[in-house]
Amino acid sequence: MTAAEKWLKFAEDDLRSAEVLLQEDIFNMVCFHCQQAVEST
């Protein structure tokens, strides 16, 4: 796995986390994980 692929995997994981947290109405952490995903790409 290349370094770029690793960073994209991190971004995908952050987006997935945000989706789960959104279902639980934990909005501050949704924002955090969305921001992290953007920084990873």
PDB file of N, CA and C in Angstrom:
ATOM      1  N   MET A   1       0.853  -1.181   0.000  1.00  0.00           N
ATOM      2  CA  MET A   1       0.000   0.000   0.000  1.00  0.00           C
ATOM      3  C   MET A   1       0.898   1.242   0.000  1.00  0.00           C
ATOM      4  N   THR A   2       0.632   2.139  -0.915  1.00  0.00           N
ATOM      5  CA  THR A   2       1.428   3.360  -1.000  1.00  0.00           C
ATOM      6  C   THR A   2       1.028   4.334   0.102  1.00  0.00           C
ATOM      7  N   ALA A   3       1.851   5.343   0.302  1.00  0.00           N
ATOM      8  CA  ALA A   3       1.543   6.367   1.302  1.00  0.00           C
ATOM      9  C   ALA A   3       0.234   7.074   0.957  1.00  0.00           C
ATOM     10  N   ALA A   4       0.024   7.359  -0.308  1.00  0.00           N
ATOM     11  CA  ALA A   4      -1.214   8.025  -0.726  1.00  0.00           C
ATOM     12  C   ALA A   4      -2.432   7.154  -0.432  1.00  0.00           C
ATOM     13  N   GLU A   5      -2.323   5.864  -0.669  1.00  0.00           N
ATOM     14  CA  GLU A   5      -3.429   4.954  -0.385  1.00  0.00           C
ATOM     15  C   GLU A   5      -3.722   4.893   1.108  1.00  0.00           C
ATOM     16  N   LYS A   6      -2.687   4.958   1.927  1.00  0.00           N
ATOM     17  CA  LYS A   6      -2.884   4.968   3.378  1.00  0.00           C
ATOM     18  C   LYS A   6      -3.645   6.210   3.819  1.00  0.00           C
ATOM     19  N   TRP A   7      -3.278   7.386   3.266  1.00  0.00           N
ATOM     20  CA  TRP A   7      -3.956   8.627   3.624  1.00  0.00           C
ATOM     21  C   TRP A   7      -5.404   8.615   3.169  1.00  0.00           C
ATOM     22  N   LEU A   8      -5.666   8.046   1.989  1.00  0.00           N
ATOM     23  CA  LEU A   8      -7.049   7.946   1.528  1.00  0.00           C
ATOM     24  C   LEU A   8      -7.869   7.008   2.417  1.00  0.00           C
ATOM     25  N   LYS A   9      -7.232   5.955   2.902  1.00  0.00           N
ATOM     26  CA  LYS A   9      -7.911   5.046   3.832  1.00  0.00           C
ATOM     27  C   LYS A   9      -8.260   5.774   5.134  1.00  0.00           C
ATOM     28  N   PHE A  10      -7.338   6.589   5.630  1.00  0.00           N
ATOM     29  CA  PHE A  10      -7.623   7.392   6.823  1.00  0.00           C
ATOM     30  C   PHE A  10      -8.833   8.294   6.574  1.00  0.00           C
ATOM     31  N   ALA A  11      -8.860   8.937   5.414  1.00  0.00           N
ATOM     32  CA  ALA A  11      -9.974   9.830   5.075  1.00  0.00           C
ATOM     33  C   ALA A  11     -11.284   9.059   5.012  1.00  0.00           C
ATOM     34  N   GLU A  12     -11.264   7.889   4.399  1.00  0.00           N
ATOM     35  CA  GLU A  12     -12.472   7.059   4.322  1.00  0.00           C
ATOM     36  C   GLU A  12     -12.951   6.656   5.716  1.00  0.00           C
ATOM     37  N   ASP A  13     -12.021   6.300   6.575  1.00  0.00           N
ATOM     38  CA  ASP A  13     -12.378   5.936   7.951  1.00  0.00           C
ATOM     39  C   ASP A  13     -12.995   7.111   8.695  1.00  0.00           C
ATOM     40  N   ASP A  14     -12.436   8.305   8.500  1.00  0.00           N
ATOM     41  CA  ASP A  14     -12.999   9.490   9.154  1.00  0.00           C
ATOM     42  C   ASP A  14     -14.410   9.772   8.648  1.00  0.00           C
ATOM     43  N   LEU A  15     -14.640   9.641   7.350  1.00  0.00           N
ATOM     44  CA  LEU A  15     -15.988   9.865   6.821  1.00  0.00           C
ATOM     45  C   LEU A  15     -16.965   8.823   7.347  1.00  0.00           C
ATOM     46  N   ARG A  16     -16.527   7.598   7.426  1.00  0.00           N
ATOM     47  CA  ARG A  16     -17.384   6.536   7.971  1.00  0.00           C
ATOM     48  C   ARG A  16     -17.726   6.822   9.433  1.00  0.00           C
ATOM     49  N   SER A  17     -16.728   7.268  10.183  1.00  0.00           N
ATOM     50  CA  SER A  17     -16.972   7.625  11.588  1.00  0.00           C
ATOM     51  C   SER A  17     -17.983   8.759  11.685  1.00  0.00           C
ATOM     52  N   ALA A  18     -17.848   9.746  10.823  1.00  0.00           N
ATOM     53  CA  ALA A  18     -18.780  10.880  10.832  1.00  0.00           C
ATOM     54  C   ALA A  18     -20.201  10.417  10.547  1.00  0.00           C
ATOM     55  N   GLU A  19     -20.363   9.480   9.623  1.00  0.00           N
ATOM     56  CA  GLU A  19     -21.695   8.976   9.302  1.00  0.00           C
ATOM     57  C   GLU A  19     -22.328   8.271  10.502  1.00  0.00           C
ATOM     58  N   VAL A  20     -21.540   7.482  11.209  1.00  0.00           N
ATOM     59  CA  VAL A  20     -22.052   6.776  12.386  1.00  0.00           C
ATOM     60  C   VAL A  20     -22.417   7.774  13.479  1.00  0.00           C
ATOM     61  N   LEU A  21     -21.551   8.724  13.721  1.00  0.00           N
ATOM     62  CA  LEU A  21     -21.794   9.723  14.760  1.00  0.00           C
ATOM     63  C   LEU A  21     -22.996  10.597  14.430  1.00  0.00           C
ATOM     64  N   LEU A  22     -23.206  10.875  13.155  1.00  0.00           N
ATOM     65  CA  LEU A  22     -24.348  11.684  12.740  1.00  0.00           C
ATOM     66  C   LEU A  22     -25.663  10.992  13.108  1.00  0.00           C
ATOM     67  N   GLN A  23     -25.705   9.690  12.975  1.00  0.00           N
ATOM     68  CA  GLN A  23     -26.904   8.935  13.341  1.00  0.00           C
ATOM     69  C   GLN A  23     -27.200   9.027  14.836  1.00  0.00           C
ATOM     70  N   GLU A  24     -26.162   9.282  15.622  1.00  0.00           N
ATOM     71  CA  GLU A  24     -26.318   9.391  17.080  1.00  0.00           C
ATOM     72  C   GLU A  24     -26.414  10.843  17.555  1.00  0.00           C
ATOM     73  N   ASP A  25     -26.487  11.784  16.601  1.00  0.00           N
ATOM     74  CA  ASP A  25     -26.593  13.222  16.915  1.00  0.00           C
ATOM     75  C   ASP A  25     -25.424  13.746  17.736  1.00  0.00           C
ATOM     76  N   ILE A  26     -24.233  13.243  17.460  1.00  0.00           N
ATOM     77  CA  ILE A  26     -23.026  13.725  18.147  1.00  0.00           C
ATOM     78  C   ILE A  26     -22.310  14.663  17.166  1.00  0.00           C
ATOM     79  N   PHE A  27     -22.866  15.866  17.034  1.00  0.00           N
ATOM     80  CA  PHE A  27     -22.499  16.764  15.952  1.00  0.00           C
ATOM     81  C   PHE A  27     -21.085  17.327  16.042  1.00  0.00           C
ATOM     82  N   ASN A  28     -20.602  17.589  17.244  1.00  0.00           N
ATOM     83  CA  ASN A  28     -19.251  18.138  17.342  1.00  0.00           C
ATOM     84  C   ASN A  28     -18.215  17.149  16.818  1.00  0.00           C
ATOM     85  N   MET A  29     -18.422  15.872  17.059  1.00  0.00           N
ATOM     86  CA  MET A  29     -17.488  14.864  16.565  1.00  0.00           C
ATOM     87  C   MET A  29     -17.687  14.599  15.070  1.00  0.00           C
ATOM     88  N   VAL A  30     -18.902  14.794  14.575  1.00  0.00           N
ATOM     89  CA  VAL A  30     -19.134  14.710  13.131  1.00  0.00           C
ATOM     90  C   VAL A  30     -18.284  15.766  12.436  1.00  0.00           C
ATOM     91  N   CYS A  31     -18.348  16.979  12.948  1.00  0.00           N
ATOM     92  CA  CYS A  31     -17.558  18.072  12.364  1.00  0.00           C
ATOM     93  C   CYS A  31     -16.071  17.772  12.429  1.00  0.00           C
ATOM     94  N   PHE A  32     -15.623  17.256  13.548  1.00  0.00           N
ATOM     95  CA  PHE A  32     -14.211  16.926  13.706  1.00  0.00           C
ATOM     96  C   PHE A  32     -13.762  15.904  12.665  1.00  0.00           C
ATOM     97  N   HIS A  33     -14.515  14.822  12.513  1.00  0.00           N
ATOM     98  CA  HIS A  33     -14.105  13.772  11.587  1.00  0.00           C
ATOM     99  C   HIS A  33     -14.209  14.238  10.125  1.00  0.00           C
ATOM    100  N   CYS A  34     -15.172  15.081   9.819  1.00  0.00           N
ATOM    101  CA  CYS A  34     -15.237  15.640   8.461  1.00  0.00           C
ATOM    102  C   CYS A  34     -14.018  16.512   8.179  1.00  0.00           C
ATOM    103  N   GLN A  35     -13.631  17.314   9.153  1.00  0.00           N
ATOM    104  CA  GLN A  35     -12.446  18.160   9.001  1.00  0.00           C
ATOM    105  C   GLN A  35     -11.204  17.314   8.832  1.00  0.00           C
ATOM    106  N   GLN A  36     -11.092  16.245   9.603  1.00  0.00           N
ATOM    107  CA  GLN A  36      -9.937  15.352   9.492  1.00  0.00           C
ATOM    108  C   GLN A  36      -9.888  14.690   8.110  1.00  0.00           C
ATOM    109  N   ALA A  37     -11.042  14.307   7.606  1.00  0.00           N
ATOM    110  CA  ALA A  37     -11.087  13.665   6.285  1.00  0.00           C
ATOM    111  C   ALA A  37     -10.602  14.617   5.202  1.00  0.00           C
ATOM    112  N   VAL A  38     -10.996  15.869   5.307  1.00  0.00           N
ATOM    113  CA  VAL A  38     -10.564  16.862   4.317  1.00  0.00           C
ATOM    114  C   VAL A  38      -9.059  17.075   4.398  1.00  0.00           C
ATOM    115  N   GLU A  39      -8.518  17.110   5.594  1.00  0.00           N
ATOM    116  CA  GLU A  39      -7.072  17.298   5.748  1.00  0.00           C
ATOM    117  C   GLU A  39      -6.276  16.118   5.209  1.00  0.00           C
ATOM    118  N   SER A  40      -6.871  14.931   5.223  1.00  0.00           N
ATOM    119  CA  SER A  40      -6.158  13.727   4.771  1.00  0.00           C
ATOM    120  C   SER A  40      -6.065  13.632   3.264  1.00  0.00           C
ATOM    121  N   THR A  41      -6.940  14.361   2.564  1.00  0.00           N
ATOM    122  CA  THR A  41      -6.945  14.243   1.093  1.00  0.00           C
ATOM    123  C   THR A  41      -6.146  15.331   0.441  1.00  0.00           C
TER     124      THR A  41
END
